[in-house]
Amino acid sequence: MKASFVIYTKPNCCLCLEAKKVLRKAQESVAFEFVEQDILADWELYQQYKEAIPVLMNGKEEWFRLRFSSAEFVKKFKAAGC
């Protein structure tokens, strides 16, 4: 079973687009899936994150916020034994 992540985003977010590219690049090295969740569709998420996106979640654990690289993701992924 592949590990699964959620990335909190919103429309017209340049950092969010960059983060999704980073995740797709990381998928070349390790097997995982990710789904995008628009914080504007969930008032509680919007109140929690507003401008502090993207946020990458592994279950209930926040892995990254704003900027991260594919190398950082892969390192953390392997260290977590995903």
PDB file of N, CA and C in Angstrom:
ATOM      1  N   MET A   1       0.841  -1.182   0.000  1.00  0.00           N
ATOM      2  CA  MET A   1       0.000   0.000   0.000  1.00  0.00           C
ATOM      3  C   MET A   1       0.887   1.248   0.000  1.00  0.00           C
ATOM      4  N   LYS A   2       0.587   2.162  -0.894  1.00  0.00           N
ATOM      5  CA  LYS A   2       1.341   3.406  -0.980  1.00  0.00           C
ATOM      6  C   LYS A   2       0.949   4.345   0.149  1.00  0.00           C
ATOM      7  N   ALA A   3       1.941   5.104   0.618  1.00  0.00           N
ATOM      8  CA  ALA A   3       1.653   6.163   1.583  1.00  0.00           C
ATOM      9  C   ALA A   3       0.804   7.210   0.896  1.00  0.00           C
ATOM     10  N   SER A   4      -0.043   7.874   1.672  1.00  0.00           N
ATOM     11  CA  SER A   4      -0.938   8.875   1.110  1.00  0.00           C
ATOM     12  C   SER A   4      -0.817  10.174   1.904  1.00  0.00           C
ATOM     13  N   PHE A   5      -0.762  11.278   1.182  1.00  0.00           N
ATOM     14  CA  PHE A   5      -0.604  12.596   1.772  1.00  0.00           C
ATOM     15  C   PHE A   5      -1.712  13.509   1.282  1.00  0.00           C
ATOM     16  N   VAL A   6      -1.964  14.560   2.039  1.00  0.00           N
ATOM     17  CA  VAL A   6      -2.905  15.600   1.642  1.00  0.00           C
ATOM     18  C   VAL A   6      -2.133  16.908   1.595  1.00  0.00           C
ATOM     19  N   ILE A   7      -2.317  17.651   0.513  1.00  0.00           N
ATOM     20  CA  ILE A   7      -1.703  18.965   0.422  1.00  0.00           C
ATOM     21  C   ILE A   7      -2.821  20.002   0.423  1.00  0.00           C
ATOM     22  N   TYR A   8      -2.783  20.881   1.418  1.00  0.00           N
ATOM     23  CA  TYR A   8      -3.764  21.960   1.507  1.00  0.00           C
ATOM     24  C   TYR A   8      -3.311  23.088   0.595  1.00  0.00           C
ATOM     25  N   THR A   9      -4.223  23.533  -0.262  1.00  0.00           N
ATOM     26  CA  THR A   9      -3.925  24.561  -1.254  1.00  0.00           C
ATOM     27  C   THR A   9      -5.112  25.510  -1.364  1.00  0.00           C
ATOM     28  N   LYS A  10      -4.968  26.465  -2.276  1.00  0.00           N
ATOM     29  CA  LYS A  10      -6.101  27.288  -2.699  1.00  0.00           C
ATOM     30  C   LYS A  10      -5.813  27.780  -4.107  1.00  0.00           C
ATOM     31  N   PRO A  11      -6.837  28.221  -4.825  1.00  0.00           N
ATOM     32  CA  PRO A  11      -6.643  28.673  -6.201  1.00  0.00           C
ATOM     33  C   PRO A  11      -5.670  29.855  -6.293  1.00  0.00           C
ATOM     34  N   ASN A  12      -4.983  29.937  -7.413  1.00  0.00           N
ATOM     35  CA  ASN A  12      -4.064  31.038  -7.710  1.00  0.00           C
ATOM     36  C   ASN A  12      -2.932  31.181  -6.698  1.00  0.00           C
ATOM     37  N   CYS A  13      -2.479  30.078  -6.164  1.00  0.00           N
ATOM     38  CA  CYS A  13      -1.400  30.065  -5.176  1.00  0.00           C
ATOM     39  C   CYS A  13      -0.133  29.544  -5.850  1.00  0.00           C
ATOM     40  N   CYS A  14       0.805  30.450  -6.096  1.00  0.00           N
ATOM     41  CA  CYS A  14       2.052  30.062  -6.775  1.00  0.00           C
ATOM     42  C   CYS A  14       2.853  29.042  -5.976  1.00  0.00           C
ATOM     43  N   LEU A  15       2.918  29.220  -4.662  1.00  0.00           N
ATOM     44  CA  LEU A  15       3.659  28.264  -3.833  1.00  0.00           C
ATOM     45  C   LEU A  15       3.007  26.882  -3.867  1.00  0.00           C
ATOM     46  N   CYS A  16       1.690  26.865  -3.996  1.00  0.00           N
ATOM     47  CA  CYS A  16       0.975  25.582  -4.075  1.00  0.00           C
ATOM     48  C   CYS A  16       1.319  24.855  -5.367  1.00  0.00           C
ATOM     49  N   LEU A  17       1.357  25.585  -6.463  1.00  0.00           N
ATOM     50  CA  LEU A  17       1.749  24.981  -7.746  1.00  0.00           C
ATOM     51  C   LEU A  17       3.165  24.431  -7.667  1.00  0.00           C
ATOM     52  N   GLU A  18       4.053  25.192  -7.061  1.00  0.00           N
ATOM     53  CA  GLU A  18       5.440  24.748  -6.897  1.00  0.00           C
ATOM     54  C   GLU A  18       5.507  23.486  -6.044  1.00  0.00           C
ATOM     55  N   ALA A  19       4.756  23.447  -4.957  1.00  0.00           N
ATOM     56  CA  ALA A  19       4.773  22.286  -4.061  1.00  0.00           C
ATOM     57  C   ALA A  19       4.269  21.034  -4.775  1.00  0.00           C
ATOM     58  N   LYS A  20       3.250  21.168  -5.616  1.00  0.00           N
ATOM     59  CA  LYS A  20       2.744  20.002  -6.359  1.00  0.00           C
ATOM     60  C   LYS A  20       3.791  19.501  -7.354  1.00  0.00           C
ATOM     61  N   LYS A  21       4.543  20.404  -7.955  1.00  0.00           N
ATOM     62  CA  LYS A  21       5.639  19.991  -8.845  1.00  0.00           C
ATOM     63  C   LYS A  21       6.712  19.255  -8.054  1.00  0.00           C
ATOM     64  N   VAL A  22       7.018  19.756  -6.865  1.00  0.00           N
ATOM     65  CA  VAL A  22       8.009  19.106  -5.988  1.00  0.00           C
ATOM     66  C   VAL A  22       7.556  17.690  -5.649  1.00  0.00           C
ATOM     67  N   LEU A  23       6.282  17.536  -5.319  1.00  0.00           N
ATOM     68  CA  LEU A  23       5.758  16.208  -4.978  1.00  0.00           C
ATOM     69  C   LEU A  23       5.805  15.261  -6.174  1.00  0.00           C
ATOM     70  N   ARG A  24       5.466  15.761  -7.356  1.00  0.00           N
ATOM     71  CA  ARG A  24       5.533  14.907  -8.547  1.00  0.00           C
ATOM     72  C   ARG A  24       6.974  14.473  -8.820  1.00  0.00           C
ATOM     73  N   LYS A  25       7.925  15.367  -8.586  1.00  0.00           N
ATOM     74  CA  LYS A  25       9.342  15.007  -8.761  1.00  0.00           C
ATOM     75  C   LYS A  25       9.739  13.947  -7.730  1.00  0.00           C
ATOM     76  N   ALA A  26       9.291  14.096  -6.486  1.00  0.00           N
ATOM     77  CA  ALA A  26       9.603  13.124  -5.430  1.00  0.00           C
ATOM     78  C   ALA A  26       9.026  11.755  -5.760  1.00  0.00           C
ATOM     79  N   GLN A  27       7.908  11.718  -6.486  1.00  0.00           N
ATOM     80  CA  GLN A  27       7.308  10.437  -6.869  1.00  0.00           C
ATOM     81  C   GLN A  27       8.196   9.650  -7.827  1.00  0.00           C
ATOM     82  N   GLU A  28       9.180  10.288  -8.415  1.00  0.00           N
ATOM     83  CA  GLU A  28      10.141   9.578  -9.250  1.00  0.00           C
ATOM     84  C   GLU A  28      11.103   8.746  -8.399  1.00  0.00           C
ATOM     85  N   SER A  29      11.215   9.093  -7.102  1.00  0.00           N
ATOM     86  CA  SER A  29      12.150   8.411  -6.203  1.00  0.00           C
ATOM     87  C   SER A  29      11.477   7.464  -5.210  1.00  0.00           C
ATOM     88  N   VAL A  30      10.292   7.834  -4.744  1.00  0.00           N
ATOM     89  CA  VAL A  30       9.582   7.018  -3.751  1.00  0.00           C
ATOM     90  C   VAL A  30       8.103   6.919  -4.131  1.00  0.00           C
ATOM     91  N   ALA A  31       7.466   5.830  -3.708  1.00  0.00           N
ATOM     92  CA  ALA A  31       6.069   5.566  -4.083  1.00  0.00           C
ATOM     93  C   ALA A  31       5.107   6.134  -3.039  1.00  0.00           C
ATOM     94  N   PHE A  32       4.307   7.098  -3.456  1.00  0.00           N
ATOM     95  CA  PHE A  32       3.278   7.672  -2.589  1.00  0.00           C
ATOM     96  C   PHE A  32       2.241   8.350  -3.472  1.00  0.00           C
ATOM     97  N   GLU A  33       1.119   8.641  -2.858  1.00  0.00           N
ATOM     98  CA  GLU A  33       0.053   9.361  -3.529  1.00  0.00           C
ATOM     99  C   GLU A  33      -0.211  10.641  -2.751  1.00  0.00           C
ATOM    100  N   PHE A  34      -0.753  11.621  -3.431  1.00  0.00           N
ATOM    101  CA  PHE A  34      -1.205  12.803  -2.712  1.00  0.00           C
ATOM    102  C   PHE A  34      -2.485  13.320  -3.335  1.00  0.00           C
ATOM    103  N   VAL A  35      -3.317  13.898  -2.476  1.00  0.00           N
ATOM    104  CA  VAL A  35      -4.548  14.526  -2.929  1.00  0.00           C
ATOM    105  C   VAL A  35      -4.509  15.988  -2.490  1.00  0.00           C
ATOM    106  N   GLU A  36      -5.131  16.800  -3.296  1.00  0.00           N
ATOM    107  CA  GLU A  36      -5.174  18.229  -3.040  1.00  0.00           C
ATOM    108  C   GLU A  36      -6.491  18.577  -2.368  1.00  0.00           C
ATOM    109  N   GLN A  37      -6.426  19.418  -1.338  1.00  0.00           N
ATOM    110  CA  GLN A  37      -7.637  19.884  -0.685  1.00  0.00           C
ATOM    111  C   GLN A  37      -7.616  21.412  -0.650  1.00  0.00           C
ATOM    112  N   ASP A  38      -8.617  22.011  -1.254  1.00  0.00           N
ATOM    113  CA  ASP A  38      -8.753  23.462  -1.312  1.00  0.00           C
ATOM    114  C   ASP A  38      -9.254  23.969   0.039  1.00  0.00           C
ATOM    115  N   ILE A  39      -8.468  24.801   0.706  1.00  0.00           N
ATOM    116  CA  ILE A  39      -8.871  25.298   2.026  1.00  0.00           C
ATOM    117  C   ILE A  39     -10.077  26.232   1.948  1.00  0.00           C
ATOM    118  N   LEU A  40     -10.351  26.791   0.768  1.00  0.00           N
ATOM    119  CA  LEU A  40     -11.514  27.673   0.630  1.00  0.00           C
ATOM    120  C   LEU A  40     -12.826  26.898   0.691  1.00  0.00           C
ATOM    121  N   ALA A  41     -12.748  25.581   0.515  1.00  0.00           N
ATOM    122  CA  ALA A  41     -13.943  24.738   0.575  1.00  0.00           C
ATOM    123  C   ALA A  41     -14.245  24.275   1.998  1.00  0.00           C
ATOM    124  N   ASP A  42     -13.381  24.622   2.949  1.00  0.00           N
ATOM    125  CA  ASP A  42     -13.548  24.176   4.335  1.00  0.00           C
ATOM    126  C   ASP A  42     -13.201  25.340   5.261  1.00  0.00           C
ATOM    127  N   TRP A  43     -14.226  25.932   5.879  1.00  0.00           N
ATOM    128  CA  TRP A  43     -14.032  27.131   6.694  1.00  0.00           C
ATOM    129  C   TRP A  43     -13.000  26.915   7.807  1.00  0.00           C
ATOM    130  N   GLU A  44     -13.032  25.765   8.465  1.00  0.00           N
ATOM    131  CA  GLU A  44     -12.077  25.512   9.552  1.00  0.00           C
ATOM    132  C   GLU A  44     -10.643  25.465   9.037  1.00  0.00           C
ATOM    133  N   LEU A  45     -10.424  24.799   7.895  1.00  0.00           N
ATOM    134  CA  LEU A  45      -9.079  24.771   7.316  1.00  0.00           C
ATOM    135  C   LEU A  45      -8.642  26.163   6.916  1.00  0.00           C
ATOM    136  N   TYR A  46      -9.561  26.924   6.337  1.00  0.00           N
ATOM    137  CA  TYR A  46      -9.218  28.289   5.944  1.00  0.00           C
ATOM    138  C   TYR A  46      -8.808  29.110   7.163  1.00  0.00           C
ATOM    139  N   GLN A  47      -9.561  29.017   8.232  1.00  0.00           N
ATOM    140  CA  GLN A  47      -9.236  29.766   9.453  1.00  0.00           C
ATOM    141  C   GLN A  47      -7.887  29.342  10.021  1.00  0.00           C
ATOM    142  N   GLN A  48      -7.559  28.073   9.895  1.00  0.00           N
ATOM    143  CA  GLN A  48      -6.308  27.560  10.453  1.00  0.00           C
ATOM    144  C   GLN A  48      -5.098  27.957   9.612  1.00  0.00           C
ATOM    145  N   TYR A  49      -5.227  27.925   8.280  1.00  0.00           N
ATOM    146  CA  TYR A  49      -4.047  28.097   7.428  1.00  0.00           C
ATOM    147  C   TYR A  49      -4.002  29.401   6.632  1.00  0.00           C
ATOM    148  N   LYS A  50      -5.125  29.978   6.287  1.00  0.00           N
ATOM    149  CA  LYS A  50      -5.226  31.222   5.513  1.00  0.00           C
ATOM    150  C   LYS A  50      -4.105  31.395   4.503  1.00  0.00           C
ATOM    151  N   GLU A  51      -3.083  32.162   4.848  1.00  0.00           N
ATOM    152  CA  GLU A  51      -1.979  32.462   3.917  1.00  0.00           C
ATOM    153  C   GLU A  51      -0.764  31.560   4.130  1.00  0.00           C
ATOM    154  N   ALA A  52      -0.848  30.621   5.044  1.00  0.00           N
ATOM    155  CA  ALA A  52       0.294  29.755   5.377  1.00  0.00           C
ATOM    156  C   ALA A  52       0.229  28.446   4.604  1.00  0.00           C
ATOM    157  N   ILE A  53       0.006  28.548   3.314  1.00  0.00           N
ATOM    158  CA  ILE A  53      -0.089  27.352   2.487  1.00  0.00           C
ATOM    159  C   ILE A  53       0.961  27.409   1.390  1.00  0.00           C
ATOM    160  N   PRO A  54       1.306  26.311   0.812  1.00  0.00           N
ATOM    161  CA  PRO A  54       0.738  24.981   0.995  1.00  0.00           C
ATOM    162  C   PRO A  54       1.177  24.339   2.308  1.00  0.00           C
ATOM    163  N   VAL A  55       0.380  23.387   2.742  1.00  0.00           N
ATOM    164  CA  VAL A  55       0.701  22.571   3.911  1.00  0.00           C
ATOM    165  C   VAL A  55       0.567  21.118   3.477  1.00  0.00           C
ATOM    166  N   LEU A  56       1.608  20.332   3.752  1.00  0.00           N
ATOM    167  CA  LEU A  56       1.576  18.911   3.413  1.00  0.00           C
ATOM    168  C   LEU A  56       1.364  18.102   4.685  1.00  0.00           C
ATOM    169  N   MET A  57       0.305  17.293   4.670  1.00  0.00           N
ATOM    170  CA  MET A  57      -0.051  16.491   5.834  1.00  0.00           C
ATOM    171  C   MET A  57       0.149  15.007   5.550  1.00  0.00           C
ATOM    172  N   ASN A  58       0.686  14.310   6.544  1.00  0.00           N
ATOM    173  CA  ASN A  58       0.772  12.854   6.544  1.00  0.00           C
ATOM    174  C   ASN A  58      -0.144  12.414   7.676  1.00  0.00           C
ATOM    175  N   GLY A  59      -1.361  12.061   7.323  1.00  0.00           N
ATOM    176  CA  GLY A  59      -2.358  11.788   8.359  1.00  0.00           C
ATOM    177  C   GLY A  59      -2.657  13.091   9.085  1.00  0.00           C
ATOM    178  N   LYS A  60      -2.483  13.102  10.393  1.00  0.00           N
ATOM    179  CA  LYS A  60      -2.725  14.322  11.175  1.00  0.00           C
ATOM    180  C   LYS A  60      -1.427  15.079  11.458  1.00  0.00           C
ATOM    181  N   GLU A  61      -0.319  14.576  10.925  1.00  0.00           N
ATOM    182  CA  GLU A  61       0.980  15.203  11.166  1.00  0.00           C
ATOM    183  C   GLU A  61       1.348  16.151  10.019  1.00  0.00           C
ATOM    184  N   GLU A  62       1.648  17.378  10.388  1.00  0.00           N
ATOM    185  CA  GLU A  62       2.097  18.344   9.392  1.00  0.00           C
ATOM    186  C   GLU A  62       3.562  18.066   9.063  1.00  0.00           C
ATOM    187  N   TRP A  63       3.830  17.812   7.792  1.00  0.00           N
ATOM    188  CA  TRP A  63       5.201  17.536   7.366  1.00  0.00           C
ATOM    189  C   TRP A  63       5.913  18.781   6.883  1.00  0.00           C
ATOM    190  N   PHE A  64       5.249  19.576   6.080  1.00  0.00           N
ATOM    191  CA  PHE A  64       5.871  20.785   5.542  1.00  0.00           C
ATOM    192  C   PHE A  64       4.828  21.886   5.418  1.00  0.00           C
ATOM    193  N   ARG A  65       5.331  23.118   5.485  1.00  0.00           N
ATOM    194  CA  ARG A  65       4.499  24.295   5.288  1.00  0.00           C
ATOM    195  C   ARG A  65       5.271  25.260   4.398  1.00  0.00           C
ATOM    196  N   LEU A  66       4.577  25.872   3.465  1.00  0.00           N
ATOM    197  CA  LEU A  66       5.149  26.832   2.518  1.00  0.00           C
ATOM    198  C   LEU A  66       6.107  26.144   1.560  1.00  0.00           C
ATOM    199  N   ARG A  67       7.402  26.300   1.709  1.00  0.00           N
ATOM    200  CA  ARG A  67       8.356  25.758   0.733  1.00  0.00           C
ATOM    201  C   ARG A  67       9.079  24.511   1.254  1.00  0.00           C
ATOM    202  N   PHE A  68       9.294  23.565   0.340  1.00  0.00           N
ATOM    203  CA  PHE A  68      10.114  22.387   0.626  1.00  0.00           C
ATOM    204  C   PHE A  68      10.600  21.839  -0.698  1.00  0.00           C
ATOM    205  N   SER A  69      11.667  21.066  -0.633  1.00  0.00           N
ATOM    206  CA  SER A  69      12.235  20.493  -1.859  1.00  0.00           C
ATOM    207  C   SER A  69      11.899  19.005  -1.947  1.00  0.00           C
ATOM    208  N   SER A  70      12.066  18.459  -3.146  1.00  0.00           N
ATOM    209  CA  SER A  70      11.823  17.025  -3.301  1.00  0.00           C
ATOM    210  C   SER A  70      12.835  16.229  -2.485  1.00  0.00           C
ATOM    211  N   ALA A  71      14.072  16.714  -2.393  1.00  0.00           N
ATOM    212  CA  ALA A  71      15.092  16.031  -1.596  1.00  0.00           C
ATOM    213  C   ALA A  71      14.705  16.007  -0.118  1.00  0.00           C
ATOM    214  N   GLU A  72      14.174  17.124   0.390  1.00  0.00           N
ATOM    215  CA  GLU A  72      13.738  17.174   1.790  1.00  0.00           C
ATOM    216  C   GLU A  72      12.587  16.197   2.024  1.00  0.00           C
ATOM    217  N   PHE A  73      11.661  16.152   1.077  1.00  0.00           N
ATOM    218  CA  PHE A  73      10.528  15.238   1.202  1.00  0.00           C
ATOM    219  C   PHE A  73      11.006  13.791   1.214  1.00  0.00           C
ATOM    220  N   VAL A  74      11.835  13.422   0.248  1.00  0.00           N
ATOM    221  CA  VAL A  74      12.315  12.044   0.142  1.00  0.00           C
ATOM    222  C   VAL A  74      13.080  11.641   1.388  1.00  0.00           C
ATOM    223  N   LYS A  75      13.921  12.526   1.912  1.00  0.00           N
ATOM    224  CA  LYS A  75      14.682  12.238   3.134  1.00  0.00           C
ATOM    225  C   LYS A  75      13.734  11.960   4.309  1.00  0.00           C
ATOM    226  N   LYS A  76      12.739  12.814   4.484  1.00  0.00           N
ATOM    227  CA  LYS A  76      11.794  12.637   5.591  1.00  0.00           C
ATOM    228  C   LYS A  76      10.955  11.377   5.366  1.00  0.00           C
ATOM    229  N   PHE A  77      10.544  11.136   4.139  1.00  0.00           N
ATOM    230  CA  PHE A  77       9.759   9.955   3.775  1.00  0.00           C
ATOM    231  C   PHE A  77      10.508   8.682   4.156  1.00  0.00           C
ATOM    232  N   LYS A  78      11.774   8.610   3.773  1.00  0.00           N
ATOM    233  CA  LYS A  78      12.564   7.411   4.072  1.00  0.00           C
ATOM    234  C   LYS A  78      12.832   7.273   5.562  1.00  0.00           C
ATOM    235  N   ALA A  79      13.093   8.384   6.234  1.00  0.00           N
ATOM    236  CA  ALA A  79      13.343   8.350   7.685  1.00  0.00           C
ATOM    237  C   ALA A  79      12.094   7.886   8.456  1.00  0.00           C
ATOM    238  N   ALA A  80      10.925   8.222   7.925  1.00  0.00           N
ATOM    239  CA  ALA A  80       9.667   7.835   8.588  1.00  0.00           C
ATOM    240  C   ALA A  80       9.285   6.393   8.286  1.00  0.00           C
ATOM    241  N   GLY A  81       9.993   5.769   7.338  1.00  0.00           N
ATOM    242  CA  GLY A  81       9.699   4.389   6.979  1.00  0.00           C
ATOM    243  C   GLY A  81       8.379   4.220   6.245  1.00  0.00           C
ATOM    244  N   CYS A  82       8.020   5.223   5.498  1.00  0.00           N
ATOM    245  CA  CYS A  82       6.735   5.181   4.775  1.00  0.00           C
ATOM    246  C   CYS A  82       6.711   4.120   3.689  1.00  0.00           C
TER     247      CYS A  82
END
